[in-house]
Amino acid sequence: MYYEVEVVSDGNSPMDLNRVFSLLSDPEPITQIITSDLRGEDCWCDVVGWSESGQCQAYAVEAEDSGEGVILLVYGGTWGIRLRPSTLQTDWDLESTQQWGEPCLMLGRDTPKN
């Protein structure tokens, strides 16, 4: 099964993205993932999808990437995904300097997630 990730850099994501992935499993909803924070240190991060309407569900799925082999693809809404360190208990806010947006994440297939 193929899935197209199309993200517009409008408010959340730092860049546009249009890419097709070959999915190897069914996508599952997630709320946390281990990834690099704003300082480049790996930690548990809360993750949501983001669209023109605001917060939406984020998903993780194993996928094939031509340059990397099998990856864990994390994706969300039309504006990508939004992340914050899980130690922060702040509301989701595009103006927050402690949160950041990404079009999607392509991580190692064994990356821990919730």
PDB file of N, CA and C in Angstrom:
ATOM      1  N   MET A   1       0.849  -1.171   0.000  1.00  0.00           N
ATOM      2  CA  MET A   1       0.000   0.000   0.000  1.00  0.00           C
ATOM      3  C   MET A   1       0.901   1.242   0.000  1.00  0.00           C
ATOM      4  N   TYR A   2       0.533   2.212  -0.792  1.00  0.00           N
ATOM      5  CA  TYR A   2       1.291   3.462  -0.878  1.00  0.00           C
ATOM      6  C   TYR A   2       0.536   4.569  -0.160  1.00  0.00           C
ATOM      7  N   TYR A   3       1.305   5.489   0.437  1.00  0.00           N
ATOM      8  CA  TYR A   3       0.702   6.620   1.135  1.00  0.00           C
ATOM      9  C   TYR A   3       1.479   7.882   0.779  1.00  0.00           C
ATOM     10  N   GLU A   4       0.758   8.925   0.419  1.00  0.00           N
ATOM     11  CA  GLU A   4       1.383  10.194   0.067  1.00  0.00           C
ATOM     12  C   GLU A   4       1.326  11.141   1.255  1.00  0.00           C
ATOM     13  N   VAL A   5       2.494  11.621   1.674  1.00  0.00           N
ATOM     14  CA  VAL A   5       2.572  12.643   2.712  1.00  0.00           C
ATOM     15  C   VAL A   5       2.725  13.973   1.994  1.00  0.00           C
ATOM     16  N   GLU A   6       1.718  14.813   2.130  1.00  0.00           N
ATOM     17  CA  GLU A   6       1.753  16.141   1.518  1.00  0.00           C
ATOM     18  C   GLU A   6       1.554  17.174   2.615  1.00  0.00           C
ATOM     19  N   VAL A   7       2.582  17.995   2.835  1.00  0.00           N
ATOM     20  CA  VAL A   7       2.580  18.990   3.912  1.00  0.00           C
ATOM     21  C   VAL A   7       2.873  20.357   3.322  1.00  0.00           C
ATOM     22  N   VAL A   8       2.128  21.346   3.790  1.00  0.00           N
ATOM     23  CA  VAL A   8       2.307  22.733   3.380  1.00  0.00           C
ATOM     24  C   VAL A   8       2.991  23.483   4.512  1.00  0.00           C
ATOM     25  N   SER A   9       4.027  24.254   4.198  1.00  0.00           N
ATOM     26  CA  SER A   9       4.746  25.021   5.220  1.00  0.00           C
ATOM     27  C   SER A   9       3.977  26.304   5.529  1.00  0.00           C
ATOM     28  N   ASP A  10       2.896  26.156   6.252  1.00  0.00           N
ATOM     29  CA  ASP A  10       2.034  27.295   6.548  1.00  0.00           C
ATOM     30  C   ASP A  10       1.700  27.316   8.039  1.00  0.00           C
ATOM     31  N   GLY A  11       2.569  27.894   8.836  1.00  0.00           N
ATOM     32  CA  GLY A  11       2.283  28.038  10.251  1.00  0.00           C
ATOM     33  C   GLY A  11       3.032  27.090  11.154  1.00  0.00           C
ATOM     34  N   ASN A  12       3.177  25.816  10.780  1.00  0.00           N
ATOM     35  CA  ASN A  12       3.813  24.836  11.661  1.00  0.00           C
ATOM     36  C   ASN A  12       5.090  24.257  11.066  1.00  0.00           C
ATOM     37  N   SER A  13       4.994  23.665   9.896  1.00  0.00           N
ATOM     38  CA  SER A  13       6.140  22.981   9.294  1.00  0.00           C
ATOM     39  C   SER A  13       7.123  23.995   8.698  1.00  0.00           C
ATOM     40  N   PRO A  14       8.430  23.750   8.875  1.00  0.00           N
ATOM     41  CA  PRO A  14       9.409  24.674   8.302  1.00  0.00           C
ATOM     42  C   PRO A  14       9.564  24.536   6.786  1.00  0.00           C
ATOM     43  N   MET A  15       8.965  23.483   6.195  1.00  0.00           N
ATOM     44  CA  MET A  15       9.106  23.306   4.748  1.00  0.00           C
ATOM     45  C   MET A  15       7.958  22.491   4.185  1.00  0.00           C
ATOM     46  N   ASP A  16       7.732  22.658   2.874  1.00  0.00           N
ATOM     47  CA  ASP A  16       6.757  21.838   2.158  1.00  0.00           C
ATOM     48  C   ASP A  16       7.343  20.440   1.962  1.00  0.00           C
ATOM     49  N   LEU A  17       6.460  19.461   1.856  1.00  0.00           N
ATOM     50  CA  LEU A  17       6.891  18.098   1.564  1.00  0.00           C
ATOM     51  C   LEU A  17       5.814  17.405   0.759  1.00  0.00           C
ATOM     52  N   ASN A  18       6.219  16.724  -0.289  1.00  0.00           N
ATOM     53  CA  ASN A  18       5.310  15.868  -1.052  1.00  0.00           C
ATOM     54  C   ASN A  18       6.103  14.630  -1.411  1.00  0.00           C
ATOM     55  N   ARG A  19       5.766  13.521  -0.732  1.00  0.00           N
ATOM     56  CA  ARG A  19       6.541  12.303  -0.909  1.00  0.00           C
ATOM     57  C   ARG A  19       5.632  11.093  -0.748  1.00  0.00           C
ATOM     58  N   VAL A  20       5.889  10.062  -1.538  1.00  0.00           N
ATOM     59  CA  VAL A  20       5.102   8.830  -1.482  1.00  0.00           C
ATOM     60  C   VAL A  20       5.930   7.747  -0.806  1.00  0.00           C
ATOM     61  N   PHE A  21       5.308   7.047   0.138  1.00  0.00           N
ATOM     62  CA  PHE A  21       5.954   5.968   0.874  1.00  0.00           C
ATOM     63  C   PHE A  21       5.209   4.667   0.633  1.00  0.00           C
ATOM     64  N   SER A  22       5.953   3.573   0.591  1.00  0.00           N
ATOM     65  CA  SER A  22       5.374   2.234   0.525  1.00  0.00           C
ATOM     66  C   SER A  22       5.242   1.737   1.966  1.00  0.00           C
ATOM     67  N   LEU A  23       3.996   1.582   2.437  1.00  0.00           N
ATOM     68  CA  LEU A  23       3.746   1.194   3.820  1.00  0.00           C
ATOM     69  C   LEU A  23       3.868  -0.317   3.970  1.00  0.00           C
ATOM     70  N   LEU A  24       4.473  -0.747   5.077  1.00  0.00           N
ATOM     71  CA  LEU A  24       4.687  -2.162   5.350  1.00  0.00           C
ATOM     72  C   LEU A  24       3.772  -2.695   6.453  1.00  0.00           C
ATOM     73  N   SER A  25       3.016  -1.815   7.078  1.00  0.00           N
ATOM     74  CA  SER A  25       2.092  -2.204   8.140  1.00  0.00           C
ATOM     75  C   SER A  25       0.949  -1.191   8.157  1.00  0.00           C
ATOM     76  N   ASP A  26       0.000  -1.418   9.030  1.00  0.00           N
ATOM     77  CA  ASP A  26      -1.096  -0.460   9.181  1.00  0.00           C
ATOM     78  C   ASP A  26      -0.650   0.689  10.079  1.00  0.00           C
ATOM     79  N   PRO A  27      -0.974   1.939   9.730  1.00  0.00           N
ATOM     80  CA  PRO A  27      -0.642   3.065  10.599  1.00  0.00           C
ATOM     81  C   PRO A  27      -1.343   2.922  11.948  1.00  0.00           C
ATOM     82  N   GLU A  28      -0.651   3.358  13.009  1.00  0.00           N
ATOM     83  CA  GLU A  28      -1.255   3.345  14.336  1.00  0.00           C
ATOM     84  C   GLU A  28      -1.143   4.732  14.960  1.00  0.00           C
ATOM     85  N   PRO A  29      -2.181   5.166  15.675  1.00  0.00           N
ATOM     86  CA  PRO A  29      -2.131   6.471  16.331  1.00  0.00           C
ATOM     87  C   PRO A  29      -1.049   6.475  17.411  1.00  0.00           C
ATOM     88  N   ILE A  30      -0.335   7.573  17.532  1.00  0.00           N
ATOM     89  CA  ILE A  30       0.675   7.714  18.586  1.00  0.00           C
ATOM     90  C   ILE A  30       0.533   9.063  19.263  1.00  0.00           C
ATOM     91  N   THR A  31       1.073   9.157  20.470  1.00  0.00           N
ATOM     92  CA  THR A  31       1.081  10.415  21.215  1.00  0.00           C
ATOM     93  C   THR A  31       2.479  10.788  21.696  1.00  0.00           C
ATOM     94  N   GLN A  32       3.416   9.821  21.666  1.00  0.00           N
ATOM     95  CA  GLN A  32       4.792  10.081  22.100  1.00  0.00           C
ATOM     96  C   GLN A  32       5.778   9.293  21.248  1.00  0.00           C
ATOM     97  N   ILE A  33       6.978   9.865  21.110  1.00  0.00           N
ATOM     98  CA  ILE A  33       8.032   9.227  20.328  1.00  0.00           C
ATOM     99  C   ILE A  33       9.378   9.677  20.892  1.00  0.00           C
ATOM    100  N   ILE A  34      10.387   8.843  20.821  1.00  0.00           N
ATOM    101  CA  ILE A  34      11.737   9.290  21.179  1.00  0.00           C
ATOM    102  C   ILE A  34      12.365   9.882  19.926  1.00  0.00           C
ATOM    103  N   THR A  35      12.777  11.132  20.031  1.00  0.00           N
ATOM    104  CA  THR A  35      13.429  11.829  18.919  1.00  0.00           C
ATOM    105  C   THR A  35      14.270  12.964  19.486  1.00  0.00           C
ATOM    106  N   SER A  36      14.999  13.660  18.639  1.00  0.00           N
ATOM    107  CA  SER A  36      15.844  14.773  19.083  1.00  0.00           C
ATOM    108  C   SER A  36      14.997  15.980  19.432  1.00  0.00           C
ATOM    109  N   ASP A  37      15.333  16.606  20.568  1.00  0.00           N
ATOM    110  CA  ASP A  37      14.653  17.841  20.959  1.00  0.00           C
ATOM    111  C   ASP A  37      15.340  19.033  20.291  1.00  0.00           C
ATOM    112  N   LEU A  38      14.981  20.232  20.707  1.00  0.00           N
ATOM    113  CA  LEU A  38      15.542  21.438  20.087  1.00  0.00           C
ATOM    114  C   LEU A  38      17.041  21.605  20.338  1.00  0.00           C
ATOM    115  N   ARG A  39      17.581  20.917  21.344  1.00  0.00           N
ATOM    116  CA  ARG A  39      19.028  20.964  21.636  1.00  0.00           C
ATOM    117  C   ARG A  39      19.770  19.822  20.952  1.00  0.00           C
ATOM    118  N   GLY A  40      19.028  18.958  20.242  1.00  0.00           N
ATOM    119  CA  GLY A  40      19.650  17.830  19.560  1.00  0.00           C
ATOM    120  C   GLY A  40      19.826  16.610  20.446  1.00  0.00           C
ATOM    121  N   GLU A  41      19.195  16.604  21.622  1.00  0.00           N
ATOM    122  CA  GLU A  41      19.299  15.479  22.543  1.00  0.00           C
ATOM    123  C   GLU A  41      18.063  14.593  22.407  1.00  0.00           C
ATOM    124  N   ASP A  42      18.276  13.291  22.367  1.00  0.00           N
ATOM    125  CA  ASP A  42      17.150  12.370  22.270  1.00  0.00           C
ATOM    126  C   ASP A  42      16.376  12.325  23.583  1.00  0.00           C
ATOM    127  N   CYS A  43      15.058  12.417  23.485  1.00  0.00           N
ATOM    128  CA  CYS A  43      14.189  12.342  24.658  1.00  0.00           C
ATOM    129  C   CYS A  43      12.786  11.967  24.201  1.00  0.00           C
ATOM    130  N   TRP A  44      11.945  11.605  25.167  1.00  0.00           N
ATOM    131  CA  TRP A  44      10.541  11.365  24.858  1.00  0.00           C
ATOM    132  C   TRP A  44       9.900  12.693  24.512  1.00  0.00           C
ATOM    133  N   CYS A  45       9.200  12.732  23.406  1.00  0.00           N
ATOM    134  CA  CYS A  45       8.486  13.934  22.979  1.00  0.00           C
ATOM    135  C   CYS A  45       7.023  13.605  22.735  1.00  0.00           C
ATOM    136  N   ASP A  46       6.138  14.499  23.157  1.00  0.00           N
ATOM    137  CA  ASP A  46       4.736  14.407  22.776  1.00  0.00           C
ATOM    138  C   ASP A  46       4.650  14.796  21.308  1.00  0.00           C
ATOM    139  N   VAL A  47       3.748  14.168  20.582  1.00  0.00           N
ATOM    140  CA  VAL A  47       3.599  14.464  19.157  1.00  0.00           C
ATOM    141  C   VAL A  47       2.119  14.482  18.801  1.00  0.00           C
ATOM    142  N   VAL A  48       1.738  15.474  18.001  1.00  0.00           N
ATOM    143  CA  VAL A  48       0.388  15.559  17.445  1.00  0.00           C
ATOM    144  C   VAL A  48       0.520  15.916  15.968  1.00  0.00           C
ATOM    145  N   GLY A  49      -0.514  15.624  15.209  1.00  0.00           N
ATOM    146  CA  GLY A  49      -0.591  16.134  13.853  1.00  0.00           C
ATOM    147  C   GLY A  49      -1.062  17.575  13.911  1.00  0.00           C
ATOM    148  N   TRP A  50      -0.810  18.337  12.833  1.00  0.00           N
ATOM    149  CA  TRP A  50      -1.253  19.733  12.800  1.00  0.00           C
ATOM    150  C   TRP A  50      -1.820  20.046  11.424  1.00  0.00           C
ATOM    151  N   SER A  51      -2.949  20.733  11.402  1.00  0.00           N
ATOM    152  CA  SER A  51      -3.585  21.126  10.142  1.00  0.00           C
ATOM    153  C   SER A  51      -4.073  22.560  10.261  1.00  0.00           C
ATOM    154  N   GLU A  52      -4.705  23.045   9.216  1.00  0.00           N
ATOM    155  CA  GLU A  52      -5.238  24.415   9.246  1.00  0.00           C
ATOM    156  C   GLU A  52      -6.271  24.590  10.356  1.00  0.00           C
ATOM    157  N   SER A  53      -6.848  23.506  10.848  1.00  0.00           N
ATOM    158  CA  SER A  53      -7.822  23.561  11.950  1.00  0.00           C
ATOM    159  C   SER A  53      -7.164  23.403  13.313  1.00  0.00           C
ATOM    160  N   GLY A  54      -5.854  23.164  13.350  1.00  0.00           N
ATOM    161  CA  GLY A  54      -5.141  22.976  14.609  1.00  0.00           C
ATOM    162  C   GLY A  54      -4.740  21.536  14.815  1.00  0.00           C
ATOM    163  N   GLN A  55      -4.735  21.130  16.078  1.00  0.00           N
ATOM    164  CA  GLN A  55      -4.270  19.813  16.486  1.00  0.00           C
ATOM    165  C   GLN A  55      -5.121  18.693  15.892  1.00  0.00           C
ATOM    166  N   CYS A  56      -4.446  17.602  15.457  1.00  0.00           N
ATOM    167  CA  CYS A  56      -5.120  16.394  14.979  1.00  0.00           C
ATOM    168  C   CYS A  56      -4.247  15.193  15.348  1.00  0.00           C
ATOM    169  N   GLN A  57      -4.667  14.019  14.981  1.00  0.00           N
ATOM    170  CA  GLN A  57      -3.961  12.788  15.359  1.00  0.00           C
ATOM    171  C   GLN A  57      -2.650  12.639  14.586  1.00  0.00           C
ATOM    172  N   ALA A  58      -1.609  12.147  15.257  1.00  0.00           N
ATOM    173  CA  ALA A  58      -0.352  11.751  14.614  1.00  0.00           C
ATOM    174  C   ALA A  58      -0.342  10.235  14.503  1.00  0.00           C
ATOM    175  N   TYR A  59       0.366   9.725  13.499  1.00  0.00           N
ATOM    176  CA  TYR A  59       0.427   8.290  13.233  1.00  0.00           C
ATOM    177  C   TYR A  59       1.874   7.849  13.021  1.00  0.00           C
ATOM    178  N   ALA A  60       2.135   6.569  13.307  1.00  0.00           N
ATOM    179  CA  ALA A  60       3.429   5.948  13.019  1.00  0.00           C
ATOM    180  C   ALA A  60       3.171   4.679  12.222  1.00  0.00           C
ATOM    181  N   VAL A  61       4.064   4.400  11.271  1.00  0.00           N
ATOM    182  CA  VAL A  61       3.920   3.218  10.424  1.00  0.00           C
ATOM    183  C   VAL A  61       5.292   2.842   9.869  1.00  0.00           C
ATOM    184  N   GLU A  62       5.549   1.533   9.750  1.00  0.00           N
ATOM    185  CA  GLU A  62       6.766   1.104   9.068  1.00  0.00           C
ATOM    186  C   GLU A  62       6.583   1.315   7.575  1.00  0.00           C
ATOM    187  N   ALA A  63       7.613   1.852   6.947  1.00  0.00           N
ATOM    188  CA  ALA A  63       7.542   2.159   5.520  1.00  0.00           C
ATOM    189  C   ALA A  63       8.905   1.936   4.882  1.00  0.00           C
ATOM    190  N   GLU A  64       8.894   1.766   3.566  1.00  0.00           N
ATOM    191  CA  GLU A  64      10.151   1.670   2.823  1.00  0.00           C
ATOM    192  C   GLU A  64      10.543   3.055   2.346  1.00  0.00           C
ATOM    193  N   ASP A  65      11.816   3.372   2.523  1.00  0.00           N
ATOM    194  CA  ASP A  65      12.373   4.623   2.031  1.00  0.00           C
ATOM    195  C   ASP A  65      13.550   4.257   1.143  1.00  0.00           C
ATOM    196  N   SER A  66      13.540   4.728  -0.078  1.00  0.00           N
ATOM    197  CA  SER A  66      14.542   4.296  -1.060  1.00  0.00           C
ATOM    198  C   SER A  66      15.980   4.531  -0.589  1.00  0.00           C
ATOM    199  N   GLY A  67      16.210   5.571   0.184  1.00  0.00           N
ATOM    200  CA  GLY A  67      17.572   5.861   0.628  1.00  0.00           C
ATOM    201  C   GLY A  67      17.943   5.234   1.949  1.00  0.00           C
ATOM    202  N   GLU A  68      16.970   4.872   2.773  1.00  0.00           N
ATOM    203  CA  GLU A  68      17.241   4.407   4.123  1.00  0.00           C
ATOM    204  C   GLU A  68      16.829   2.971   4.394  1.00  0.00           C
ATOM    205  N   GLY A  69      16.100   2.334   3.499  1.00  0.00           N
ATOM    206  CA  GLY A  69      15.571   1.000   3.765  1.00  0.00           C
ATOM    207  C   GLY A  69      14.249   1.113   4.503  1.00  0.00           C
ATOM    208  N   VAL A  70      14.050   0.297   5.536  1.00  0.00           N
ATOM    209  CA  VAL A  70      12.811   0.332   6.308  1.00  0.00           C
ATOM    210  C   VAL A  70      12.946   1.361   7.427  1.00  0.00           C
ATOM    211  N   ILE A  71      11.950   2.235   7.529  1.00  0.00           N
ATOM    212  CA  ILE A  71      11.952   3.307   8.519  1.00  0.00           C
ATOM    213  C   ILE A  71      10.652   3.280   9.307  1.00  0.00           C
ATOM    214  N   LEU A  72      10.622   4.060  10.387  1.00  0.00           N
ATOM    215  CA  LEU A  72       9.381   4.369  11.078  1.00  0.00           C
ATOM    216  C   LEU A  72       8.978   5.766  10.624  1.00  0.00           C
ATOM    217  N   LEU A  73       7.886   5.860   9.900  1.00  0.00           N
ATOM    218  CA  LEU A  73       7.376   7.133   9.408  1.00  0.00           C
ATOM    219  C   LEU A  73       6.366   7.666  10.418  1.00  0.00           C
ATOM    220  N   VAL A  74       6.575   8.905  10.882  1.00  0.00           N
ATOM    221  CA  VAL A  74       5.644   9.584  11.787  1.00  0.00           C
ATOM    222  C   VAL A  74       5.077  10.767  11.014  1.00  0.00           C
ATOM    223  N   TYR A  75       3.759  10.797  10.880  1.00  0.00           N
ATOM    224  CA  TYR A  75       3.126  11.859  10.097  1.00  0.00           C
ATOM    225  C   TYR A  75       1.842  12.311  10.781  1.00  0.00           C
ATOM    226  N   GLY A  76       1.303  13.431  10.299  1.00  0.00           N
ATOM    227  CA  GLY A  76       0.094  13.982  10.914  1.00  0.00           C
ATOM    228  C   GLY A  76      -0.813  14.635   9.903  1.00  0.00           C
ATOM    229  N   GLY A  77      -1.055  15.943  10.079  1.00  0.00           N
ATOM    230  CA  GLY A  77      -1.993  16.668   9.236  1.00  0.00           C
ATOM    231  C   GLY A  77      -1.343  17.384   8.073  1.00  0.00           C
ATOM    232  N   THR A  78      -2.111  18.230   7.414  1.00  0.00           N
ATOM    233  CA  THR A  78      -1.638  18.952   6.227  1.00  0.00           C
ATOM    234  C   THR A  78      -0.542  19.960   6.547  1.00  0.00           C
ATOM    235  N   TRP A  79      -0.375  20.297   7.826  1.00  0.00           N
ATOM    236  CA  TRP A  79       0.720  21.177   8.248  1.00  0.00           C
ATOM    237  C   TRP A  79       1.795  20.383   8.983  1.00  0.00           C
ATOM    238  N   GLY A  80       1.768  19.064   8.883  1.00  0.00           N
ATOM    239  CA  GLY A  80       2.816  18.227   9.455  1.00  0.00           C
ATOM    240  C   GLY A  80       2.506  17.738  10.858  1.00  0.00           C
ATOM    241  N   ILE A  81       3.571  17.643  11.656  1.00  0.00           N
ATOM    242  CA  ILE A  81       3.442  17.234  13.047  1.00  0.00           C
ATOM    243  C   ILE A  81       4.030  18.308  13.949  1.00  0.00           C
ATOM    244  N   ARG A  82       3.618  18.295  15.206  1.00  0.00           N
ATOM    245  CA  ARG A  82       4.147  19.237  16.188  1.00  0.00           C
ATOM    246  C   ARG A  82       4.663  18.429  17.366  1.00  0.00           C
ATOM    247  N   LEU A  83       5.816  18.844  17.885  1.00  0.00           N
ATOM    248  CA  LEU A  83       6.495  18.122  18.960  1.00  0.00           C
ATOM    249  C   LEU A  83       6.816  19.041  20.131  1.00  0.00           C
ATOM    250  N   ARG A  84       6.905  18.431  21.326  1.00  0.00           N
ATOM    251  CA  ARG A  84       7.383  19.128  22.524  1.00  0.00           C
ATOM    252  C   ARG A  84       7.945  18.065  23.458  1.00  0.00           C
ATOM    253  N   PRO A  85       8.966  18.406  24.262  1.00  0.00           N
ATOM    254  CA  PRO A  85       9.458  17.439  25.243  1.00  0.00           C
ATOM    255  C   PRO A  85       8.312  17.005  26.166  1.00  0.00           C
ATOM    256  N   SER A  86       8.240  15.716  26.459  1.00  0.00           N
ATOM    257  CA  SER A  86       7.152  15.194  27.285  1.00  0.00           C
ATOM    258  C   SER A  86       7.190  15.718  28.711  1.00  0.00           C
ATOM    259  N   THR A  87       8.312  16.283  29.127  1.00  0.00           N
ATOM    260  CA  THR A  87       8.405  16.848  30.473  1.00  0.00           C
ATOM    261  C   THR A  87       7.647  18.167  30.594  1.00  0.00           C
ATOM    262  N   LEU A  88       7.289  18.781  29.472  1.00  0.00           N
ATOM    263  CA  LEU A  88       6.536  20.037  29.482  1.00  0.00           C
ATOM    264  C   LEU A  88       5.042  19.743  29.481  1.00  0.00           C
ATOM    265  N   GLN A  89       4.310  20.443  30.270  1.00  0.00           N
ATOM    266  CA  GLN A  89       2.857  20.250  30.331  1.00  0.00           C
ATOM    267  C   GLN A  89       2.150  21.523  29.866  1.00  0.00           C
ATOM    268  N   THR A  90       2.599  22.070  28.755  1.00  0.00           N
ATOM    269  CA  THR A  90       2.009  23.287  28.204  1.00  0.00           C
ATOM    270  C   THR A  90       1.011  22.930  27.107  1.00  0.00           C
ATOM    271  N   ASP A  91       0.095  23.855  26.832  1.00  0.00           N
ATOM    272  CA  ASP A  91      -0.845  23.668  25.733  1.00  0.00           C
ATOM    273  C   ASP A  91      -0.105  23.730  24.405  1.00  0.00           C
ATOM    274  N   TRP A  92      -0.668  23.064  23.396  1.00  0.00           N
ATOM    275  CA  TRP A  92      -0.098  23.152  22.056  1.00  0.00           C
ATOM    276  C   TRP A  92      -0.301  24.561  21.541  1.00  0.00           C
ATOM    277  N   ASP A  93       0.782  25.175  21.023  1.00  0.00           N
ATOM    278  CA  ASP A  93       0.742  26.572  20.611  1.00  0.00           C
ATOM    279  C   ASP A  93       1.805  26.817  19.547  1.00  0.00           C
ATOM    280  N   LEU A  94       1.410  27.307  18.391  1.00  0.00           N
ATOM    281  CA  LEU A  94       2.364  27.595  17.321  1.00  0.00           C
ATOM    282  C   LEU A  94       3.365  28.682  17.703  1.00  0.00           C
ATOM    283  N   GLU A  95       3.045  29.492  18.688  1.00  0.00           N
ATOM    284  CA  GLU A  95       3.937  30.575  19.115  1.00  0.00           C
ATOM    285  C   GLU A  95       4.946  30.136  20.176  1.00  0.00           C
ATOM    286  N   SER A  96       4.805  28.934  20.714  1.00  0.00           N
ATOM    287  CA  SER A  96       5.692  28.461  21.780  1.00  0.00           C
ATOM    288  C   SER A  96       7.102  28.222  21.248  1.00  0.00           C
ATOM    289  N   THR A  97       8.095  28.708  21.987  1.00  0.00           N
ATOM    290  CA  THR A  97       9.495  28.481  21.614  1.00  0.00           C
ATOM    291  C   THR A  97      10.003  27.136  22.136  1.00  0.00           C
ATOM    292  N   GLN A  98       9.179  26.420  22.910  1.00  0.00           N
ATOM    293  CA  GLN A  98       9.555  25.118  23.446  1.00  0.00           C
ATOM    294  C   GLN A  98       8.962  23.969  22.618  1.00  0.00           C
ATOM    295  N   GLN A  99       8.249  24.301  21.569  1.00  0.00           N
ATOM    296  CA  GLN A  99       7.652  23.326  20.663  1.00  0.00           C
ATOM    297  C   GLN A  99       8.180  23.598  19.255  1.00  0.00           C
ATOM    298  N   TRP A 100       8.073  22.605  18.402  1.00  0.00           N
ATOM    299  CA  TRP A 100       8.528  22.792  17.026  1.00  0.00           C
ATOM    300  C   TRP A 100       7.715  21.926  16.078  1.00  0.00           C
ATOM    301  N   GLY A 101       7.706  22.341  14.831  1.00  0.00           N
ATOM    302  CA  GLY A 101       6.985  21.611  13.797  1.00  0.00           C
ATOM    303  C   GLY A 101       7.942  20.933  12.832  1.00  0.00           C
ATOM    304  N   GLU A 102       7.488  19.841  12.272  1.00  0.00           N
ATOM    305  CA  GLU A 102       8.223  19.096  11.251  1.00  0.00           C
ATOM    306  C   GLU A 102       7.214  18.635  10.206  1.00  0.00           C
ATOM    307  N   PRO A 103       7.637  18.472   8.943  1.00  0.00           N
ATOM    308  CA  PRO A 103       6.700  17.930   7.959  1.00  0.00           C
ATOM    309  C   PRO A 103       6.336  16.482   8.298  1.00  0.00           C
ATOM    310  N   CYS A 104       7.320  15.691   8.730  1.00  0.00           N
ATOM    311  CA  CYS A 104       7.141  14.318   9.204  1.00  0.00           C
ATOM    312  C   CYS A 104       8.481  13.914   9.809  1.00  0.00           C
ATOM    313  N   LEU A 105       8.543  12.739  10.399  1.00  0.00           N
ATOM    314  CA  LEU A 105       9.808  12.193  10.881  1.00  0.00           C
ATOM    315  C   LEU A 105      10.038  10.855  10.205  1.00  0.00           C
ATOM    316  N   MET A 106      11.271  10.595   9.828  1.00  0.00           N
ATOM    317  CA  MET A 106      11.677   9.300   9.287  1.00  0.00           C
ATOM    318  C   MET A 106      12.763   8.781  10.220  1.00  0.00           C
ATOM    319  N   LEU A 107      12.380   7.863  11.094  1.00  0.00           N
ATOM    320  CA  LEU A 107      13.244   7.386  12.168  1.00  0.00           C
ATOM    321  C   LEU A 107      13.603   5.918  11.966  1.00  0.00           C
ATOM    322  N   GLY A 108      14.514   5.435  12.781  1.00  0.00           N
ATOM    323  CA  GLY A 108      14.843   4.017  12.777  1.00  0.00           C
ATOM    324  C   GLY A 108      13.609   3.193  13.100  1.00  0.00           C
ATOM    325  N   ARG A 109      13.454   2.069  12.455  1.00  0.00           N
ATOM    326  CA  ARG A 109      12.220   1.274  12.583  1.00  0.00           C
ATOM    327  C   ARG A 109      11.970   0.790  14.004  1.00  0.00           C
ATOM    328  N   ASP A 110      12.999   0.729  14.861  1.00  0.00           N
ATOM    329  CA  ASP A 110      12.833   0.266  16.238  1.00  0.00           C
ATOM    330  C   ASP A 110      12.705   1.411  17.238  1.00  0.00           C
ATOM    331  N   THR A 111      12.467   2.612  16.758  1.00  0.00           N
ATOM    332  CA  THR A 111      12.326   3.771  17.651  1.00  0.00           C
ATOM    333  C   THR A 111      11.138   3.555  18.604  1.00  0.00           C
ATOM    334  N   PRO A 112      11.355   3.716  19.917  1.00  0.00           N
ATOM    335  CA  PRO A 112      10.248   3.561  20.866  1.00  0.00           C
ATOM    336  C   PRO A 112       9.162   4.616  20.648  1.00  0.00           C
ATOM    337  N   LYS A 113       7.906   4.188  20.849  1.00  0.00           N
ATOM    338  CA  LYS A 113       6.757   5.079  20.660  1.00  0.00           C
ATOM    339  C   LYS A 113       5.630   4.637  21.578  1.00  0.00           C
ATOM    340  N   ASN A 114       4.730   5.543  21.843  1.00  0.00           N
ATOM    341  CA  ASN A 114       3.488   5.260  22.600  1.00  0.00           C
ATOM    342  C   ASN A 114       2.317   5.809  21.820  1.00  0.00           C
TER     343      ASN A 114
END
